[in-house]
Amino acid sequence: MTTSPMVSITAAALADVLEVDPLVLRSDSPLDDLGADSMARVGFADAVEDRALQELGVRIEISDEALAEARSLGDLAEHVESLVGAARAREAQ
């Protein structure tokens, strides 16, 4: 797995929620195969929002729509990265 902060944060949050070792997660890991049902995805959103604030100092909110559309860990990481980028851009204004 890459060492991008967003991928690391996303993988760690998903691993916590699914109770799996984050080292087994890959960007192309299908969420359904990992057992990430709708409740797990909501738990993931809460966990990654908290981690983004604590570790990156940015407040983000992951929409229910984005959670439902994500098919892989990479999809989630890309979405988190876009949210963090947008939050940082707003803060820079």
PDB file of N, CA and C in Angstrom:
ATOM      1  N   MET A   1       0.848  -1.178   0.000  1.00  0.00           N
ATOM      2  CA  MET A   1       0.000   0.000   0.000  1.00  0.00           C
ATOM      3  C   MET A   1       0.889   1.235   0.000  1.00  0.00           C
ATOM      4  N   THR A   2       0.459   2.286  -0.663  1.00  0.00           N
ATOM      5  CA  THR A   2       1.238   3.510  -0.703  1.00  0.00           C
ATOM      6  C   THR A   2       1.248   4.174   0.664  1.00  0.00           C
ATOM      7  N   THR A   3       2.155   5.131   0.817  1.00  0.00           N
ATOM      8  CA  THR A   3       2.268   5.801   2.109  1.00  0.00           C
ATOM      9  C   THR A   3       1.569   7.152   2.125  1.00  0.00           C
ATOM     10  N   SER A   4       0.736   7.416   1.143  1.00  0.00           N
ATOM     11  CA  SER A   4      -0.031   8.654   1.128  1.00  0.00           C
ATOM     12  C   SER A   4      -0.771   8.791   2.447  1.00  0.00           C
ATOM     13  N   PRO A   5      -0.759   9.997   3.036  1.00  0.00           N
ATOM     14  CA  PRO A   5      -1.485  10.171   4.302  1.00  0.00           C
ATOM     15  C   PRO A   5      -2.958   9.788   4.193  1.00  0.00           C
ATOM     16  N   MET A   6      -3.601  10.104   3.079  1.00  0.00           N
ATOM     17  CA  MET A   6      -5.013   9.789   2.951  1.00  0.00           C
ATOM     18  C   MET A   6      -5.241   8.280   2.845  1.00  0.00           C
ATOM     19  N   VAL A   7      -4.379   7.592   2.127  1.00  0.00           N
ATOM     20  CA  VAL A   7      -4.515   6.136   2.035  1.00  0.00           C
ATOM     21  C   VAL A   7      -4.256   5.513   3.402  1.00  0.00           C
ATOM     22  N   SER A   8      -3.255   5.997   4.101  1.00  0.00           N
ATOM     23  CA  SER A   8      -2.946   5.464   5.429  1.00  0.00           C
ATOM     24  C   SER A   8      -4.094   5.708   6.403  1.00  0.00           C
ATOM     25  N   ILE A   9      -4.616   6.914   6.412  1.00  0.00           N
ATOM     26  CA  ILE A   9      -5.730   7.242   7.295  1.00  0.00           C
ATOM     27  C   ILE A   9      -6.958   6.415   6.938  1.00  0.00           C
ATOM     28  N   THR A  10      -7.229   6.305   5.658  1.00  0.00           N
ATOM     29  CA  THR A  10      -8.391   5.554   5.196  1.00  0.00           C
ATOM     30  C   THR A  10      -8.257   4.077   5.551  1.00  0.00           C
ATOM     31  N   ALA A  11      -7.087   3.505   5.279  1.00  0.00           N
ATOM     32  CA  ALA A  11      -6.870   2.086   5.583  1.00  0.00           C
ATOM     33  C   ALA A  11      -6.945   1.822   7.080  1.00  0.00           C
ATOM     34  N   ALA A  12      -6.347   2.699   7.878  1.00  0.00           N
ATOM     35  CA  ALA A  12      -6.370   2.509   9.336  1.00  0.00           C
ATOM     36  C   ALA A  12      -7.794   2.584   9.875  1.00  0.00           C
ATOM     37  N   ALA A  13      -8.567   3.551   9.385  1.00  0.00           N
ATOM     38  CA  ALA A  13      -9.950   3.690   9.848  1.00  0.00           C
ATOM     39  C   ALA A  13     -10.783   2.485   9.431  1.00  0.00           C
ATOM     40  N   LEU A  14     -10.630   2.053   8.190  1.00  0.00           N
ATOM     41  CA  LEU A  14     -11.396   0.903   7.711  1.00  0.00           C
ATOM     42  C   LEU A  14     -10.986  -0.365   8.462  1.00  0.00           C
ATOM     43  N   ALA A  15      -9.706  -0.524   8.700  1.00  0.00           N
ATOM     44  CA  ALA A  15      -9.220  -1.693   9.439  1.00  0.00           C
ATOM     45  C   ALA A  15      -9.777  -1.720  10.855  1.00  0.00           C
ATOM     46  N   ASP A  16      -9.834  -0.557  11.504  1.00  0.00           N
ATOM     47  CA  ASP A  16     -10.406  -0.485  12.850  1.00  0.00           C
ATOM     48  C   ASP A  16     -11.864  -0.910  12.855  1.00  0.00           C
ATOM     49  N   VAL A  17     -12.618  -0.400  11.904  1.00  0.00           N
ATOM     50  CA  VAL A  17     -14.053  -0.687  11.843  1.00  0.00           C
ATOM     51  C   VAL A  17     -14.307  -2.158  11.521  1.00  0.00           C
ATOM     52  N   LEU A  18     -13.525  -2.694  10.589  1.00  0.00           N
ATOM     53  CA  LEU A  18     -13.729  -4.087  10.162  1.00  0.00           C
ATOM     54  C   LEU A  18     -12.974  -5.086  11.026  1.00  0.00           C
ATOM     55  N   GLU A  19     -12.161  -4.555  11.943  1.00  0.00           N
ATOM     56  CA  GLU A  19     -11.346  -5.382  12.825  1.00  0.00           C
ATOM     57  C   GLU A  19     -10.445  -6.329  12.037  1.00  0.00           C
ATOM     58  N   VAL A  20      -9.711  -5.742  11.079  1.00  0.00           N
ATOM     59  CA  VAL A  20      -8.724  -6.484  10.291  1.00  0.00           C
ATOM     60  C   VAL A  20      -7.390  -5.764  10.377  1.00  0.00           C
ATOM     61  N   ASP A  21      -6.338  -6.462  10.023  1.00  0.00           N
ATOM     62  CA  ASP A  21      -4.997  -5.887   9.986  1.00  0.00           C
ATOM     63  C   ASP A  21      -4.920  -4.932   8.791  1.00  0.00           C
ATOM     64  N   PRO A  22      -4.542  -3.661   9.004  1.00  0.00           N
ATOM     65  CA  PRO A  22      -4.488  -2.725   7.873  1.00  0.00           C
ATOM     66  C   PRO A  22      -3.480  -3.146   6.805  1.00  0.00           C
ATOM     67  N   LEU A  23      -2.535  -3.988   7.155  1.00  0.00           N
ATOM     68  CA  LEU A  23      -1.542  -4.434   6.173  1.00  0.00           C
ATOM     69  C   LEU A  23      -2.128  -5.378   5.125  1.00  0.00           C
ATOM     70  N   VAL A  24      -3.293  -5.951   5.393  1.00  0.00           N
ATOM     71  CA  VAL A  24      -3.917  -6.825   4.397  1.00  0.00           C
ATOM     72  C   VAL A  24      -4.773  -6.034   3.418  1.00  0.00           C
ATOM     73  N   LEU A  25      -4.988  -4.761   3.701  1.00  0.00           N
ATOM     74  CA  LEU A  25      -5.810  -3.929   2.824  1.00  0.00           C
ATOM     75  C   LEU A  25      -4.968  -3.355   1.695  1.00  0.00           C
ATOM     76  N   ARG A  26      -5.519  -3.402   0.507  1.00  0.00           N
ATOM     77  CA  ARG A  26      -4.880  -2.798  -0.665  1.00  0.00           C
ATOM     78  C   ARG A  26      -5.860  -1.799  -1.269  1.00  0.00           C
ATOM     79  N   SER A  27      -5.342  -0.894  -2.069  1.00  0.00           N
ATOM     80  CA  SER A  27      -6.203   0.115  -2.694  1.00  0.00           C
ATOM     81  C   SER A  27      -7.317  -0.503  -3.518  1.00  0.00           C
ATOM     82  N   ASP A  28      -7.053  -1.665  -4.108  1.00  0.00           N
ATOM     83  CA  ASP A  28      -8.074  -2.302  -4.938  1.00  0.00           C
ATOM     84  C   ASP A  28      -8.909  -3.326  -4.169  1.00  0.00           C
ATOM     85  N   SER A  29      -8.770  -3.359  -2.843  1.00  0.00           N
ATOM     86  CA  SER A  29      -9.571  -4.278  -2.026  1.00  0.00           C
ATOM     87  C   SER A  29     -11.049  -3.922  -2.157  1.00  0.00           C
ATOM     88  N   PRO A  30     -11.879  -4.843  -2.684  1.00  0.00           N
ATOM     89  CA  PRO A  30     -13.314  -4.559  -2.799  1.00  0.00           C
ATOM     90  C   PRO A  30     -13.953  -4.484  -1.407  1.00  0.00           C
ATOM     91  N   LEU A  31     -14.699  -3.435  -1.184  1.00  0.00           N
ATOM     92  CA  LEU A  31     -15.319  -3.234   0.128  1.00  0.00           C
ATOM     93  C   LEU A  31     -16.299  -4.345   0.471  1.00  0.00           C
ATOM     94  N   ASP A  32     -17.063  -4.802  -0.504  1.00  0.00           N
ATOM     95  CA  ASP A  32     -18.023  -5.866  -0.245  1.00  0.00           C
ATOM     96  C   ASP A  32     -17.319  -7.150   0.187  1.00  0.00           C
ATOM     97  N   ASP A  33     -16.186  -7.460  -0.436  1.00  0.00           N
ATOM     98  CA  ASP A  33     -15.430  -8.661  -0.079  1.00  0.00           C
ATOM     99  C   ASP A  33     -14.838  -8.558   1.322  1.00  0.00           C
ATOM    100  N   LEU A  34     -14.614  -7.336   1.782  1.00  0.00           N
ATOM    101  CA  LEU A  34     -14.064  -7.127   3.120  1.00  0.00           C
ATOM    102  C   LEU A  34     -15.145  -7.158   4.198  1.00  0.00           C
ATOM    103  N   GLY A  35     -16.396  -7.186   3.782  1.00  0.00           N
ATOM    104  CA  GLY A  35     -17.499  -7.192   4.732  1.00  0.00           C
ATOM    105  C   GLY A  35     -17.942  -5.799   5.136  1.00  0.00           C
ATOM    106  N   ALA A  36     -17.648  -4.810   4.311  1.00  0.00           N
ATOM    107  CA  ALA A  36     -18.011  -3.419   4.618  1.00  0.00           C
ATOM    108  C   ALA A  36     -19.449  -3.157   4.202  1.00  0.00           C
ATOM    109  N   ASP A  37     -20.381  -3.572   5.054  1.00  0.00           N
ATOM    110  CA  ASP A  37     -21.786  -3.307   4.787  1.00  0.00           C
ATOM    111  C   ASP A  37     -22.095  -1.842   5.106  1.00  0.00           C
ATOM    112  N   SER A  38     -23.355  -1.464   5.008  1.00  0.00           N
ATOM    113  CA  SER A  38     -23.711  -0.052   5.194  1.00  0.00           C
ATOM    114  C   SER A  38     -23.383   0.441   6.602  1.00  0.00           C
ATOM    115  N   MET A  39     -23.555  -0.395   7.614  1.00  0.00           N
ATOM    116  CA  MET A  39     -23.234   0.016   8.983  1.00  0.00           C
ATOM    117  C   MET A  39     -21.729   0.204   9.155  1.00  0.00           C
ATOM    118  N   ALA A  40     -20.946  -0.677   8.567  1.00  0.00           N
ATOM    119  CA  ALA A  40     -19.491  -0.552   8.648  1.00  0.00           C
ATOM    120  C   ALA A  40     -19.035   0.711   7.930  1.00  0.00           C
ATOM    121  N   ARG A  41     -19.673   1.042   6.833  1.00  0.00           N
ATOM    122  CA  ARG A  41     -19.288   2.240   6.083  1.00  0.00           C
ATOM    123  C   ARG A  41     -19.589   3.505   6.892  1.00  0.00           C
ATOM    124  N   VAL A  42     -20.684   3.513   7.629  1.00  0.00           N
ATOM    125  CA  VAL A  42     -20.992   4.662   8.485  1.00  0.00           C
ATOM    126  C   VAL A  42     -19.951   4.762   9.591  1.00  0.00           C
ATOM    127  N   GLY A  43     -19.587   3.627  10.180  1.00  0.00           N
ATOM    128  CA  GLY A  43     -18.536   3.620  11.194  1.00  0.00           C
ATOM    129  C   GLY A  43     -17.217   4.090  10.626  1.00  0.00           C
ATOM    130  N   PHE A  44     -16.921   3.681   9.386  1.00  0.00           N
ATOM    131  CA  PHE A  44     -15.715   4.138   8.709  1.00  0.00           C
ATOM    132  C   PHE A  44     -15.736   5.649   8.558  1.00  0.00           C
ATOM    133  N   ALA A  45     -16.847   6.196   8.110  1.00  0.00           N
ATOM    134  CA  ALA A  45     -16.936   7.645   7.900  1.00  0.00           C
ATOM    135  C   ALA A  45     -16.646   8.390   9.189  1.00  0.00           C
ATOM    136  N   ASP A  46     -17.234   7.947  10.285  1.00  0.00           N
ATOM    137  CA  ASP A  46     -16.978   8.588  11.573  1.00  0.00           C
ATOM    138  C   ASP A  46     -15.501   8.494  11.943  1.00  0.00           C
ATOM    139  N   ALA A  47     -14.925   7.306  11.761  1.00  0.00           N
ATOM    140  CA  ALA A  47     -13.522   7.098  12.126  1.00  0.00           C
ATOM    141  C   ALA A  47     -12.577   7.935  11.279  1.00  0.00           C
ATOM    142  N   VAL A  48     -12.809   7.994   9.977  1.00  0.00           N
ATOM    143  CA  VAL A  48     -11.882   8.736   9.114  1.00  0.00           C
ATOM    144  C   VAL A  48     -12.059  10.240   9.292  1.00  0.00           C
ATOM    145  N   GLU A  49     -13.282  10.683   9.554  1.00  0.00           N
ATOM    146  CA  GLU A  49     -13.488  12.110   9.839  1.00  0.00           C
ATOM    147  C   GLU A  49     -12.726  12.510  11.104  1.00  0.00           C
ATOM    148  N   ASP A  50     -12.780  11.666  12.131  1.00  0.00           N
ATOM    149  CA  ASP A  50     -12.030  11.925  13.365  1.00  0.00           C
ATOM    150  C   ASP A  50     -10.528  11.929  13.111  1.00  0.00           C
ATOM    151  N   ARG A  51     -10.047  10.945  12.358  1.00  0.00           N
ATOM    152  CA  ARG A  51      -8.608  10.860  12.070  1.00  0.00           C
ATOM    153  C   ARG A  51      -8.127  12.047  11.245  1.00  0.00           C
ATOM    154  N   ALA A  52      -8.917  12.478  10.288  1.00  0.00           N
ATOM    155  CA  ALA A  52      -8.522  13.631   9.474  1.00  0.00           C
ATOM    156  C   ALA A  52      -8.367  14.869  10.343  1.00  0.00           C
ATOM    157  N   LEU A  53      -9.253  15.034  11.290  1.00  0.00           N
ATOM    158  CA  LEU A  53      -9.171  16.184  12.189  1.00  0.00           C
ATOM    159  C   LEU A  53      -7.958  16.049  13.112  1.00  0.00           C
ATOM    160  N   GLN A  54      -7.774  14.896  13.707  1.00  0.00           N
ATOM    161  CA  GLN A  54      -6.682  14.698  14.651  1.00  0.00           C
ATOM    162  C   GLN A  54      -5.314  14.694  13.980  1.00  0.00           C
ATOM    163  N   GLU A  55      -5.194  13.998  12.859  1.00  0.00           N
ATOM    164  CA  GLU A  55      -3.884  13.802  12.238  1.00  0.00           C
ATOM    165  C   GLU A  55      -3.521  14.870  11.212  1.00  0.00           C
ATOM    166  N   LEU A  56      -4.534  15.458  10.566  1.00  0.00           N
ATOM    167  CA  LEU A  56      -4.261  16.441   9.513  1.00  0.00           C
ATOM    168  C   LEU A  56      -4.758  17.836   9.868  1.00  0.00           C
ATOM    169  N   GLY A  57      -5.556  17.917  10.905  1.00  0.00           N
ATOM    170  CA  GLY A  57      -6.084  19.217  11.325  1.00  0.00           C
ATOM    171  C   GLY A  57      -7.140  19.787  10.411  1.00  0.00           C
ATOM    172  N   VAL A  58      -7.820  18.916   9.661  1.00  0.00           N
ATOM    173  CA  VAL A  58      -8.885  19.384   8.771  1.00  0.00           C
ATOM    174  C   VAL A  58     -10.186  18.678   9.112  1.00  0.00           C
ATOM    175  N   ARG A  59     -11.266  19.427   9.009  1.00  0.00           N
ATOM    176  CA  ARG A  59     -12.597  18.884   9.275  1.00  0.00           C
ATOM    177  C   ARG A  59     -13.239  18.528   7.931  1.00  0.00           C
ATOM    178  N   ILE A  60     -13.621  17.255   7.797  1.00  0.00           N
ATOM    179  CA  ILE A  60     -14.289  16.794   6.580  1.00  0.00           C
ATOM    180  C   ILE A  60     -15.573  16.077   6.970  1.00  0.00           C
ATOM    181  N   GLU A  61     -16.458  15.923   5.984  1.00  0.00           N
ATOM    182  CA  GLU A  61     -17.681  15.156   6.187  1.00  0.00           C
ATOM    183  C   GLU A  61     -17.909  14.288   4.956  1.00  0.00           C
ATOM    184  N   ILE A  62     -17.944  12.996   5.165  1.00  0.00           N
ATOM    185  CA  ILE A  62     -18.141  12.046   4.077  1.00  0.00           C
ATOM    186  C   ILE A  62     -19.637  11.802   3.919  1.00  0.00           C
ATOM    187  N   SER A  63     -20.138  12.041   2.728  1.00  0.00           N
ATOM    188  CA  SER A  63     -21.578  11.910   2.487  1.00  0.00           C
ATOM    189  C   SER A  63     -21.997  10.436   2.399  1.00  0.00           C
ATOM    190  N   ASP A  64     -23.259  10.204   2.697  1.00  0.00           N
ATOM    191  CA  ASP A  64     -23.825   8.860   2.564  1.00  0.00           C
ATOM    192  C   ASP A  64     -23.729   8.389   1.119  1.00  0.00           C
ATOM    193  N   GLU A  65     -23.917   9.309   0.195  1.00  0.00           N
ATOM    194  CA  GLU A  65     -23.840   8.968  -1.235  1.00  0.00           C
ATOM    195  C   GLU A  65     -22.450   8.466  -1.602  1.00  0.00           C
ATOM    196  N   ALA A  66     -21.419   9.159  -1.124  1.00  0.00           N
ATOM    197  CA  ALA A  66     -20.049   8.741  -1.422  1.00  0.00           C
ATOM    198  C   ALA A  66     -19.761   7.366  -0.817  1.00  0.00           C
ATOM    199  N   LEU A  67     -20.263   7.121   0.379  1.00  0.00           N
ATOM    200  CA  LEU A  67     -20.072   5.813   1.013  1.00  0.00           C
ATOM    201  C   LEU A  67     -20.737   4.711   0.201  1.00  0.00           C
ATOM    202  N   ALA A  68     -21.936   4.981  -0.288  1.00  0.00           N
ATOM    203  CA  ALA A  68     -22.675   3.977  -1.050  1.00  0.00           C
ATOM    204  C   ALA A  68     -22.029   3.703  -2.404  1.00  0.00           C
ATOM    205  N   GLU A  69     -21.425   4.722  -3.007  1.00  0.00           N
ATOM    206  CA  GLU A  69     -20.840   4.574  -4.340  1.00  0.00           C
ATOM    207  C   GLU A  69     -19.461   3.940  -4.323  1.00  0.00           C
ATOM    208  N   ALA A  70     -18.743   4.026  -3.212  1.00  0.00           N
ATOM    209  CA  ALA A  70     -17.380   3.503  -3.144  1.00  0.00           C
ATOM    210  C   ALA A  70     -17.386   1.989  -3.300  1.00  0.00           C
ATOM    211  N   ARG A  71     -16.514   1.505  -4.147  1.00  0.00           N
ATOM    212  CA  ARG A  71     -16.414   0.063  -4.392  1.00  0.00           C
ATOM    213  C   ARG A  71     -15.141  -0.537  -3.799  1.00  0.00           C
ATOM    214  N   SER A  72     -14.135   0.308  -3.544  1.00  0.00           N
ATOM    215  CA  SER A  72     -12.849  -0.199  -3.057  1.00  0.00           C
ATOM    216  C   SER A  72     -12.247   0.770  -2.050  1.00  0.00           C
ATOM    217  N   LEU A  73     -11.222   0.305  -1.370  1.00  0.00           N
ATOM    218  CA  LEU A  73     -10.490   1.165  -0.462  1.00  0.00           C
ATOM    219  C   LEU A  73      -9.922   2.364  -1.221  1.00  0.00           C
ATOM    220  N   GLY A  74      -9.455   2.143  -2.436  1.00  0.00           N
ATOM    221  CA  GLY A  74      -8.929   3.231  -3.256  1.00  0.00           C
ATOM    222  C   GLY A  74      -9.972   4.290  -3.540  1.00  0.00           C
ATOM    223  N   ASP A  75     -11.201   3.867  -3.804  1.00  0.00           N
ATOM    224  CA  ASP A  75     -12.291   4.827  -4.016  1.00  0.00           C
ATOM    225  C   ASP A  75     -12.481   5.697  -2.783  1.00  0.00           C
ATOM    226  N   LEU A  76     -12.481   5.060  -1.613  1.00  0.00           N
ATOM    227  CA  LEU A  76     -12.641   5.816  -0.372  1.00  0.00           C
ATOM    228  C   LEU A  76     -11.472   6.778  -0.167  1.00  0.00           C
ATOM    229  N   ALA A  77     -10.261   6.300  -0.416  1.00  0.00           N
ATOM    230  CA  ALA A  77      -9.073   7.139  -0.224  1.00  0.00           C
ATOM    231  C   ALA A  77      -9.090   8.340  -1.163  1.00  0.00           C
ATOM    232  N   GLU A  78      -9.487   8.127  -2.412  1.00  0.00           N
ATOM    233  CA  GLU A  78      -9.570   9.245  -3.369  1.00  0.00           C
ATOM    234  C   GLU A  78     -10.591  10.274  -2.903  1.00  0.00           C
ATOM    235  N   HIS A  79     -11.716   9.795  -2.402  1.00  0.00           N
ATOM    236  CA  HIS A  79     -12.753  10.717  -1.929  1.00  0.00           C
ATOM    237  C   HIS A  79     -12.252  11.503  -0.723  1.00  0.00           C
ATOM    238  N   VAL A  80     -11.614  10.819   0.209  1.00  0.00           N
ATOM    239  CA  VAL A  80     -11.070  11.495   1.391  1.00  0.00           C
ATOM    240  C   VAL A  80     -10.024  12.525   0.965  1.00  0.00           C
ATOM    241  N   GLU A  81      -9.176  12.157   0.023  1.00  0.00           N
ATOM    242  CA  GLU A  81      -8.158  13.090  -0.467  1.00  0.00           C
ATOM    243  C   GLU A  81      -8.796  14.338  -1.065  1.00  0.00           C
ATOM    244  N   SER A  82      -9.871  14.164  -1.832  1.00  0.00           N
ATOM    245  CA  SER A  82     -10.532  15.332  -2.429  1.00  0.00           C
ATOM    246  C   SER A  82     -11.181  16.198  -1.352  1.00  0.00           C
ATOM    247  N   LEU A  83     -11.766  15.569  -0.336  1.00  0.00           N
ATOM    248  CA  LEU A  83     -12.370  16.336   0.757  1.00  0.00           C
ATOM    249  C   LEU A  83     -11.313  17.113   1.546  1.00  0.00           C
ATOM    250  N   VAL A  84     -10.189  16.467   1.813  1.00  0.00           N
ATOM    251  CA  VAL A  84      -9.116  17.140   2.552  1.00  0.00           C
ATOM    252  C   VAL A  84      -8.561  18.298   1.724  1.00  0.00           C
ATOM    253  N   GLY A  85      -8.372  18.075   0.425  1.00  0.00           N
ATOM    254  CA  GLY A  85      -7.891  19.153  -0.435  1.00  0.00           C
ATOM    255  C   GLY A  85      -8.837  20.335  -0.462  1.00  0.00           C
ATOM    256  N   ALA A  86     -10.121  20.064  -0.539  1.00  0.00           N
ATOM    257  CA  ALA A  86     -11.115  21.132  -0.555  1.00  0.00           C
ATOM    258  C   ALA A  86     -11.131  21.875   0.785  1.00  0.00           C
ATOM    259  N   ALA A  87     -11.015  21.139   1.867  1.00  0.00           N
ATOM    260  CA  ALA A  87     -11.009  21.765   3.200  1.00  0.00           C
ATOM    261  C   ALA A  87      -9.785  22.650   3.364  1.00  0.00           C
ATOM    262  N   ARG A  88      -8.649  22.177   2.899  1.00  0.00           N
ATOM    263  CA  ARG A  88      -7.423  22.996   2.997  1.00  0.00           C
ATOM    264  C   ARG A  88      -7.512  24.239   2.120  1.00  0.00           C
ATOM    265  N   ALA A  89      -8.128  24.115   0.963  1.00  0.00           N
ATOM    266  CA  ALA A  89      -8.295  25.266   0.082  1.00  0.00           C
ATOM    267  C   ALA A  89      -9.192  26.309   0.727  1.00  0.00           C
ATOM    268  N   ARG A  90     -10.276  25.851   1.381  1.00  0.00           N
ATOM    269  CA  ARG A  90     -11.158  26.792   2.074  1.00  0.00           C
ATOM    270  C   ARG A  90     -10.417  27.496   3.204  1.00  0.00           C
ATOM    271  N   GLU A  91      -9.599  26.769   3.939  1.00  0.00           N
ATOM    272  CA  GLU A  91      -8.851  27.356   5.049  1.00  0.00           C
ATOM    273  C   GLU A  91      -7.822  28.371   4.562  1.00  0.00           C
ATOM    274  N   ALA A  92      -7.295  28.177   3.365  1.00  0.00           N
ATOM    275  CA  ALA A  92      -6.258  29.058   2.826  1.00  0.00           C
ATOM    276  C   ALA A  92      -6.828  30.389   2.349  1.00  0.00           C
ATOM    277  N   GLN A  93      -8.130  30.462   2.170  1.00  0.00           N
ATOM    278  CA  GLN A  93      -8.747  31.691   1.652  1.00  0.00           C
ATOM    279  C   GLN A  93      -8.817  32.757   2.699  1.00  0.00           C
TER     280      GLN A  93
END
